């Protein structure tokens, strides 16, 4: 998902929070496009029109900025798209997941496919080399899996999910499959491959029905 730095730039001269958000949005775009280690603070400053002093007033260093992008930009995106819909009262979790996956596929531009999932990108790049990133990413994946597992368990009690389904294992598989789909589509820069992989996930989800 592409965020617009301009959306919050008009706030930066009025309040510190507006400035902070401008930096976060610009940093998200830079990290998504370049990766964290190659991300340029100079590019972030150029995008926001801020000085180094203004940036370092809010973030002690690049690492802390990266953590904030993960915690305050990427995590809320995952929660909003993948977890919130599952919380609807009496919602059929299988249908909700199918609807969210199909909508995510429609929303993805060619640029989004080429850049890949920002969470998965950071997991691949930074988890092996930075414990702060690893723990944050692990926690977010755990929250995502738990949200799906809880919804599936509730669906079982309502007769929407087959009683033999192991909701914990299924949730882990679904999240892993979705991230795998994004990864291979990114590598191939292929919407067709994304669709094919997504169709496999949808078929699996349909098999969970009683």
C-alpha atoms as a PDB file:
ATOM      1  CA  UNK A   1       0.000   0.000   0.000  1.00  0.00           C
ATOM      2  CA  UNK A   2       1.353   3.398  -0.996  1.00  0.00           C
ATOM      3  CA  UNK A   3       0.979   6.164   1.556  1.00  0.00           C
ATOM      4  CA  UNK A   4       0.971   9.841   0.719  1.00  0.00           C
ATOM      5  CA  UNK A   5       3.381  12.025   2.661  1.00  0.00           C
ATOM      6  CA  UNK A   6       1.414  15.080   1.528  1.00  0.00           C
ATOM      7  CA  UNK A   7      -1.580  13.836   3.527  1.00  0.00           C
ATOM      8  CA  UNK A   8       0.073  14.916   6.757  1.00  0.00           C
ATOM      9  CA  UNK A   9       2.607  17.508   5.603  1.00  0.00           C
ATOM     10  CA  UNK A  10       0.252  20.423   6.168  1.00  0.00           C
ATOM     11  CA  UNK A  11       0.301  19.567   9.876  1.00  0.00           C
ATOM     12  CA  UNK A  12       4.049  19.680  10.394  1.00  0.00           C
ATOM     13  CA  UNK A  13       4.332  23.420  10.892  1.00  0.00           C
ATOM     14  CA  UNK A  14       1.441  23.419  13.356  1.00  0.00           C
ATOM     15  CA  UNK A  15       2.132  20.580  15.741  1.00  0.00           C
ATOM     16  CA  UNK A  16       4.888  18.112  16.634  1.00  0.00           C
ATOM     17  CA  UNK A  17       2.646  15.119  16.031  1.00  0.00           C
ATOM     18  CA  UNK A  18       2.080  16.245  12.451  1.00  0.00           C
ATOM     19  CA  UNK A  19       5.832  16.453  11.950  1.00  0.00           C
ATOM     20  CA  UNK A  20       6.323  13.015  13.439  1.00  0.00           C
ATOM     21  CA  UNK A  21       3.661  11.509  11.194  1.00  0.00           C
ATOM     22  CA  UNK A  22       5.187  13.137   8.124  1.00  0.00           C
ATOM     23  CA  UNK A  23       8.528  11.519   8.935  1.00  0.00           C
ATOM     24  CA  UNK A  24       6.898   8.129   9.570  1.00  0.00           C
ATOM     25  CA  UNK A  25       4.986   8.149   6.293  1.00  0.00           C
ATOM     26  CA  UNK A  26       8.049   9.212   4.315  1.00  0.00           C
ATOM     27  CA  UNK A  27      10.185   6.613   6.074  1.00  0.00           C
ATOM     28  CA  UNK A  28       7.614   3.908   5.354  1.00  0.00           C
ATOM     29  CA  UNK A  29       7.710   4.713   1.641  1.00  0.00           C
ATOM     30  CA  UNK A  30      11.511   4.792   1.579  1.00  0.00           C
ATOM     31  CA  UNK A  31      11.872   1.530   3.516  1.00  0.00           C
ATOM     32  CA  UNK A  32       9.240  -0.224   1.421  1.00  0.00           C
ATOM     33  CA  UNK A  33      11.008   0.753  -1.771  1.00  0.00           C
ATOM     34  CA  UNK A  34      14.633   0.413  -0.738  1.00  0.00           C
ATOM     35  CA  UNK A  35      14.649  -1.924   2.251  1.00  0.00           C
ATOM     36  CA  UNK A  36      15.570  -0.750   5.721  1.00  0.00           C
ATOM     37  CA  UNK A  37      19.344  -0.984   5.431  1.00  0.00           C
ATOM     38  CA  UNK A  38      19.463   0.858   2.112  1.00  0.00           C
ATOM     39  CA  UNK A  39      16.853   3.439   3.131  1.00  0.00           C
ATOM     40  CA  UNK A  40      18.241   6.962   2.937  1.00  0.00           C
ATOM     41  CA  UNK A  41      17.592   9.532   5.644  1.00  0.00           C
ATOM     42  CA  UNK A  42      18.447  12.174   3.059  1.00  0.00           C
ATOM     43  CA  UNK A  43      15.557  10.966   0.885  1.00  0.00           C
ATOM     44  CA  UNK A  44      13.225  11.021   3.879  1.00  0.00           C
ATOM     45  CA  UNK A  45      14.250  14.571   4.727  1.00  0.00           C
ATOM     46  CA  UNK A  46      13.821  15.619   1.106  1.00  0.00           C
ATOM     47  CA  UNK A  47      10.316  14.122   0.997  1.00  0.00           C
ATOM     48  CA  UNK A  48       9.254  15.957   4.141  1.00  0.00           C
ATOM     49  CA  UNK A  49      11.193  19.186   3.741  1.00  0.00           C
ATOM     50  CA  UNK A  50      12.476  18.784   7.295  1.00  0.00           C
ATOM     51  CA  UNK A  51      15.943  19.308   8.729  1.00  0.00           C
ATOM     52  CA  UNK A  52      18.059  16.637  10.403  1.00  0.00           C
ATOM     53  CA  UNK A  53      17.460  18.385  13.688  1.00  0.00           C
ATOM     54  CA  UNK A  54      13.709  18.072  13.302  1.00  0.00           C
ATOM     55  CA  UNK A  55      14.010  14.383  12.472  1.00  0.00           C
ATOM     56  CA  UNK A  56      16.320  13.611  15.380  1.00  0.00           C
ATOM     57  CA  UNK A  57      14.042  15.519  17.717  1.00  0.00           C
ATOM     58  CA  UNK A  58      11.493  12.741  17.198  1.00  0.00           C
ATOM     59  CA  UNK A  59      13.712   9.705  16.540  1.00  0.00           C
ATOM     60  CA  UNK A  60      17.080   9.125  18.172  1.00  0.00           C
ATOM     61  CA  UNK A  61      18.474   7.231  15.200  1.00  0.00           C
ATOM     62  CA  UNK A  62      17.542   5.311  12.068  1.00  0.00           C
ATOM     63  CA  UNK A  63      16.925   2.117  14.024  1.00  0.00           C
ATOM     64  CA  UNK A  64      14.359   3.799  16.279  1.00  0.00           C
ATOM     65  CA  UNK A  65      12.697   5.305  13.215  1.00  0.00           C
ATOM     66  CA  UNK A  66      12.471   1.842  11.679  1.00  0.00           C
ATOM     67  CA  UNK A  67      10.914   0.412  14.824  1.00  0.00           C
ATOM     68  CA  UNK A  68       8.350   3.223  14.838  1.00  0.00           C
ATOM     69  CA  UNK A  69       7.448   2.590  11.195  1.00  0.00           C
ATOM     70  CA  UNK A  70       6.826  -1.054  12.044  1.00  0.00           C
ATOM     71  CA  UNK A  71       4.849  -0.316  15.224  1.00  0.00           C
ATOM     72  CA  UNK A  72       2.880   2.718  14.075  1.00  0.00           C
ATOM     73  CA  UNK A  73       2.428   2.294  10.320  1.00  0.00           C
ATOM     74  CA  UNK A  74       2.785  -1.355   9.295  1.00  0.00           C
ATOM     75  CA  UNK A  75       1.176  -2.970  12.353  1.00  0.00           C
ATOM     76  CA  UNK A  76      -1.995  -0.836  12.172  1.00  0.00           C
ATOM     77  CA  UNK A  77      -2.268  -1.638   8.450  1.00  0.00           C
ATOM     78  CA  UNK A  78      -2.176  -5.377   9.219  1.00  0.00           C
ATOM     79  CA  UNK A  79      -4.664  -5.003  12.058  1.00  0.00           C
ATOM     80  CA  UNK A  80      -7.072  -2.910   9.996  1.00  0.00           C
ATOM     81  CA  UNK A  81      -7.056  -5.123   6.909  1.00  0.00           C
ATOM     82  CA  UNK A  82      -6.695  -8.611   8.366  1.00  0.00           C
ATOM     83  CA  UNK A  83      -7.864  -8.604  11.976  1.00  0.00           C
ATOM     84  CA  UNK A  84     -10.655  -6.061  12.411  1.00  0.00           C
ATOM     85  CA  UNK A  85     -13.030  -7.716   9.879  1.00  0.00           C
ATOM     86  CA  UNK A  86     -12.794 -10.977  11.819  1.00  0.00           C
ATOM     87  CA  UNK A  87     -14.170  -9.305  14.955  1.00  0.00           C
ATOM     88  CA  UNK A  88     -17.636  -8.672  13.545  1.00  0.00           C
ATOM     89  CA  UNK A  89     -20.291 -10.379  15.652  1.00  0.00           C
ATOM     90  CA  UNK A  90     -21.409 -13.739  14.236  1.00  0.00           C
ATOM     91  CA  UNK A  91     -19.257 -13.225  11.135  1.00  0.00           C
ATOM     92  CA  UNK A  92     -18.463 -16.356   9.124  1.00  0.00           C
ATOM     93  CA  UNK A  93     -14.633 -16.423   9.476  1.00  0.00           C
ATOM     94  CA  UNK A  94     -14.079 -18.398   6.302  1.00  0.00           C
ATOM     95  CA  UNK A  95     -16.128 -15.960   4.235  1.00  0.00           C
ATOM     96  CA  UNK A  96     -14.511 -12.970   5.924  1.00  0.00           C
ATOM     97  CA  UNK A  97     -11.033 -14.272   5.075  1.00  0.00           C
ATOM     98  CA  UNK A  98     -12.071 -14.976   1.490  1.00  0.00           C
ATOM     99  CA  UNK A  99     -13.551 -11.482   1.125  1.00  0.00           C
ATOM    100  CA  UNK A 100     -10.480  -9.801   2.621  1.00  0.00           C
ATOM    101  CA  UNK A 101      -8.076 -11.768   0.431  1.00  0.00           C
ATOM    102  CA  UNK A 102     -10.063 -10.988  -2.709  1.00  0.00           C
ATOM    103  CA  UNK A 103     -10.236  -7.294  -1.805  1.00  0.00           C
ATOM    104  CA  UNK A 104      -6.507  -7.195  -1.056  1.00  0.00           C
ATOM    105  CA  UNK A 105      -5.839  -8.653  -4.500  1.00  0.00           C
ATOM    106  CA  UNK A 106      -8.023  -6.041  -6.164  1.00  0.00           C
ATOM    107  CA  UNK A 107      -6.354  -3.241  -4.236  1.00  0.00           C
ATOM    108  CA  UNK A 108      -2.798  -4.212  -5.169  1.00  0.00           C
ATOM    109  CA  UNK A 109      -1.247  -2.175  -7.964  1.00  0.00           C
ATOM    110  CA  UNK A 110       1.593  -3.410 -10.123  1.00  0.00           C
ATOM    111  CA  UNK A 111       3.921  -1.337  -7.967  1.00  0.00           C
ATOM    112  CA  UNK A 112       2.564  -2.974  -4.815  1.00  0.00           C
ATOM    113  CA  UNK A 113       3.202  -6.425  -6.268  1.00  0.00           C
ATOM    114  CA  UNK A 114       6.757  -5.515  -7.300  1.00  0.00           C
ATOM    115  CA  UNK A 115       7.547  -4.049  -3.870  1.00  0.00           C
ATOM    116  CA  UNK A 116       6.030  -6.936  -1.916  1.00  0.00           C
ATOM    117  CA  UNK A 117       4.510  -7.095   1.545  1.00  0.00           C
ATOM    118  CA  UNK A 118       6.253  -4.533   3.782  1.00  0.00           C
ATOM    119  CA  UNK A 119       5.985  -6.799   6.830  1.00  0.00           C
ATOM    120  CA  UNK A 120       7.394  -9.818   5.036  1.00  0.00           C
ATOM    121  CA  UNK A 121      10.153  -7.691   3.498  1.00  0.00           C
ATOM    122  CA  UNK A 122      11.304  -6.565   6.939  1.00  0.00           C
ATOM    123  CA  UNK A 123      11.020 -10.096   8.303  1.00  0.00           C
ATOM    124  CA  UNK A 124      13.321 -11.409   5.595  1.00  0.00           C
ATOM    125  CA  UNK A 125      15.794  -8.528   5.749  1.00  0.00           C
ATOM    126  CA  UNK A 126      15.981  -7.558   9.397  1.00  0.00           C
ATOM    127  CA  UNK A 127      14.965 -10.504  11.603  1.00  0.00           C
ATOM    128  CA  UNK A 128      18.335 -12.256  11.077  1.00  0.00           C
ATOM    129  CA  UNK A 129      20.353  -9.168  11.994  1.00  0.00           C
ATOM    130  CA  UNK A 130      18.358  -7.075  14.488  1.00  0.00           C
ATOM    131  CA  UNK A 131      16.651  -8.508  17.552  1.00  0.00           C
ATOM    132  CA  UNK A 132      14.435  -5.463  17.993  1.00  0.00           C
ATOM    133  CA  UNK A 133      12.950  -5.962  14.545  1.00  0.00           C
ATOM    134  CA  UNK A 134      12.710  -9.720  15.003  1.00  0.00           C
ATOM    135  CA  UNK A 135      10.747  -9.511  18.242  1.00  0.00           C
ATOM    136  CA  UNK A 136       8.365  -6.860  16.919  1.00  0.00           C
ATOM    137  CA  UNK A 137       7.731  -8.798  13.710  1.00  0.00           C
ATOM    138  CA  UNK A 138       7.261 -12.040  15.631  1.00  0.00           C
ATOM    139  CA  UNK A 139       4.709 -10.401  17.909  1.00  0.00           C
ATOM    140  CA  UNK A 140       2.766  -9.008  14.963  1.00  0.00           C
ATOM    141  CA  UNK A 141       2.669 -12.364  13.180  1.00  0.00           C
ATOM    142  CA  UNK A 142       1.513 -13.970  16.448  1.00  0.00           C
ATOM    143  CA  UNK A 143      -1.299 -11.409  16.787  1.00  0.00           C
ATOM    144  CA  UNK A 144      -2.373 -12.033  13.195  1.00  0.00           C
ATOM    145  CA  UNK A 145      -2.399 -15.813  13.650  1.00  0.00           C
ATOM    146  CA  UNK A 146      -4.215 -15.514  16.978  1.00  0.00           C
ATOM    147  CA  UNK A 147      -6.937 -13.349  15.436  1.00  0.00           C
ATOM    148  CA  UNK A 148      -7.582 -15.938  12.724  1.00  0.00           C
ATOM    149  CA  UNK A 149      -7.457 -18.841  15.189  1.00  0.00           C
ATOM    150  CA  UNK A 150      -9.914 -17.151  17.540  1.00  0.00           C
ATOM    151  CA  UNK A 151     -12.296 -16.402  14.685  1.00  0.00           C
ATOM    152  CA  UNK A 152     -12.117 -19.988  13.429  1.00  0.00           C
ATOM    153  CA  UNK A 153     -12.764 -21.321  16.924  1.00  0.00           C
ATOM    154  CA  UNK A 154     -15.822 -19.092  17.222  1.00  0.00           C
ATOM    155  CA  UNK A 155     -16.928 -20.235  13.777  1.00  0.00           C
ATOM    156  CA  UNK A 156     -16.724 -23.863  14.895  1.00  0.00           C
ATOM    157  CA  UNK A 157     -19.137 -23.177  17.747  1.00  0.00           C
ATOM    158  CA  UNK A 158     -21.579 -21.612  15.262  1.00  0.00           C
ATOM    159  CA  UNK A 159     -21.289 -24.476  12.790  1.00  0.00           C
ATOM    160  CA  UNK A 160     -19.497 -22.336  10.189  1.00  0.00           C
ATOM    161  CA  UNK A 161     -16.182 -24.231  10.361  1.00  0.00           C
ATOM    162  CA  UNK A 162     -15.700 -27.998  10.308  1.00  0.00           C
ATOM    163  CA  UNK A 163     -15.280 -29.381  13.820  1.00  0.00           C
ATOM    164  CA  UNK A 164     -12.091 -31.256  12.888  1.00  0.00           C
ATOM    165  CA  UNK A 165     -10.224 -28.093  11.907  1.00  0.00           C
ATOM    166  CA  UNK A 166      -7.189 -27.296  14.068  1.00  0.00           C
ATOM    167  CA  UNK A 167      -7.638 -23.537  14.239  1.00  0.00           C
ATOM    168  CA  UNK A 168      -4.101 -22.784  15.481  1.00  0.00           C
ATOM    169  CA  UNK A 169      -2.373 -24.789  12.757  1.00  0.00           C
ATOM    170  CA  UNK A 170      -4.784 -23.479  10.136  1.00  0.00           C
ATOM    171  CA  UNK A 171      -4.168 -19.861  11.116  1.00  0.00           C
ATOM    172  CA  UNK A 172      -0.401 -20.322  10.887  1.00  0.00           C
ATOM    173  CA  UNK A 173      -0.768 -21.972   7.487  1.00  0.00           C
ATOM    174  CA  UNK A 174      -3.030 -19.236   6.112  1.00  0.00           C
ATOM    175  CA  UNK A 175      -0.707 -16.424   7.210  1.00  0.00           C
ATOM    176  CA  UNK A 176       2.313 -18.298   5.862  1.00  0.00           C
ATOM    177  CA  UNK A 177       0.570 -18.994   2.568  1.00  0.00           C
ATOM    178  CA  UNK A 178      -0.467 -15.378   2.125  1.00  0.00           C
ATOM    179  CA  UNK A 179       3.053 -14.125   2.779  1.00  0.00           C
ATOM    180  CA  UNK A 180       4.420 -16.781   0.444  1.00  0.00           C
ATOM    181  CA  UNK A 181       2.043 -15.668  -2.299  1.00  0.00           C
ATOM    182  CA  UNK A 182       3.224 -12.086  -1.912  1.00  0.00           C
ATOM    183  CA  UNK A 183       6.849 -13.217  -1.977  1.00  0.00           C
ATOM    184  CA  UNK A 184       6.738 -15.273  -5.151  1.00  0.00           C
ATOM    185  CA  UNK A 185       4.607 -12.664  -6.924  1.00  0.00           C
ATOM    186  CA  UNK A 186       7.143 -10.009  -5.942  1.00  0.00           C
ATOM    187  CA  UNK A 187      10.005 -12.089  -7.290  1.00  0.00           C
ATOM    188  CA  UNK A 188       8.221 -12.746 -10.581  1.00  0.00           C
ATOM    189  CA  UNK A 189       6.580  -9.305 -10.680  1.00  0.00           C
ATOM    190  CA  UNK A 190       3.493 -11.164 -11.789  1.00  0.00           C
ATOM    191  CA  UNK A 191      -0.125 -10.406 -10.964  1.00  0.00           C
ATOM    192  CA  UNK A 192      -1.085 -13.665 -12.633  1.00  0.00           C
ATOM    193  CA  UNK A 193       1.090 -15.648 -10.244  1.00  0.00           C
ATOM    194  CA  UNK A 194      -0.393 -13.736  -7.301  1.00  0.00           C
ATOM    195  CA  UNK A 195      -3.900 -14.616  -8.502  1.00  0.00           C
ATOM    196  CA  UNK A 196      -3.040 -18.277  -9.021  1.00  0.00           C
ATOM    197  CA  UNK A 197      -1.497 -18.563  -5.578  1.00  0.00           C
ATOM    198  CA  UNK A 198      -4.410 -16.694  -4.031  1.00  0.00           C
ATOM    199  CA  UNK A 199      -6.886 -19.050  -5.684  1.00  0.00           C
ATOM    200  CA  UNK A 200      -5.116 -21.947  -3.991  1.00  0.00           C
ATOM    201  CA  UNK A 201      -5.519 -20.259  -0.613  1.00  0.00           C
ATOM    202  CA  UNK A 202      -9.197 -19.596  -1.310  1.00  0.00           C
ATOM    203  CA  UNK A 203      -9.770 -23.243  -2.244  1.00  0.00           C
ATOM    204  CA  UNK A 204      -8.149 -24.304   1.009  1.00  0.00           C
ATOM    205  CA  UNK A 205     -10.320 -21.916   3.000  1.00  0.00           C
ATOM    206  CA  UNK A 206     -13.460 -23.271   1.353  1.00  0.00           C
ATOM    207  CA  UNK A 207     -12.400 -26.768   2.410  1.00  0.00           C
ATOM    208  CA  UNK A 208     -12.724 -25.674   6.052  1.00  0.00           C
ATOM    209  CA  UNK A 209     -16.508 -25.421   5.786  1.00  0.00           C
ATOM    210  CA  UNK A 210     -18.627 -28.218   7.306  1.00  0.00           C
END
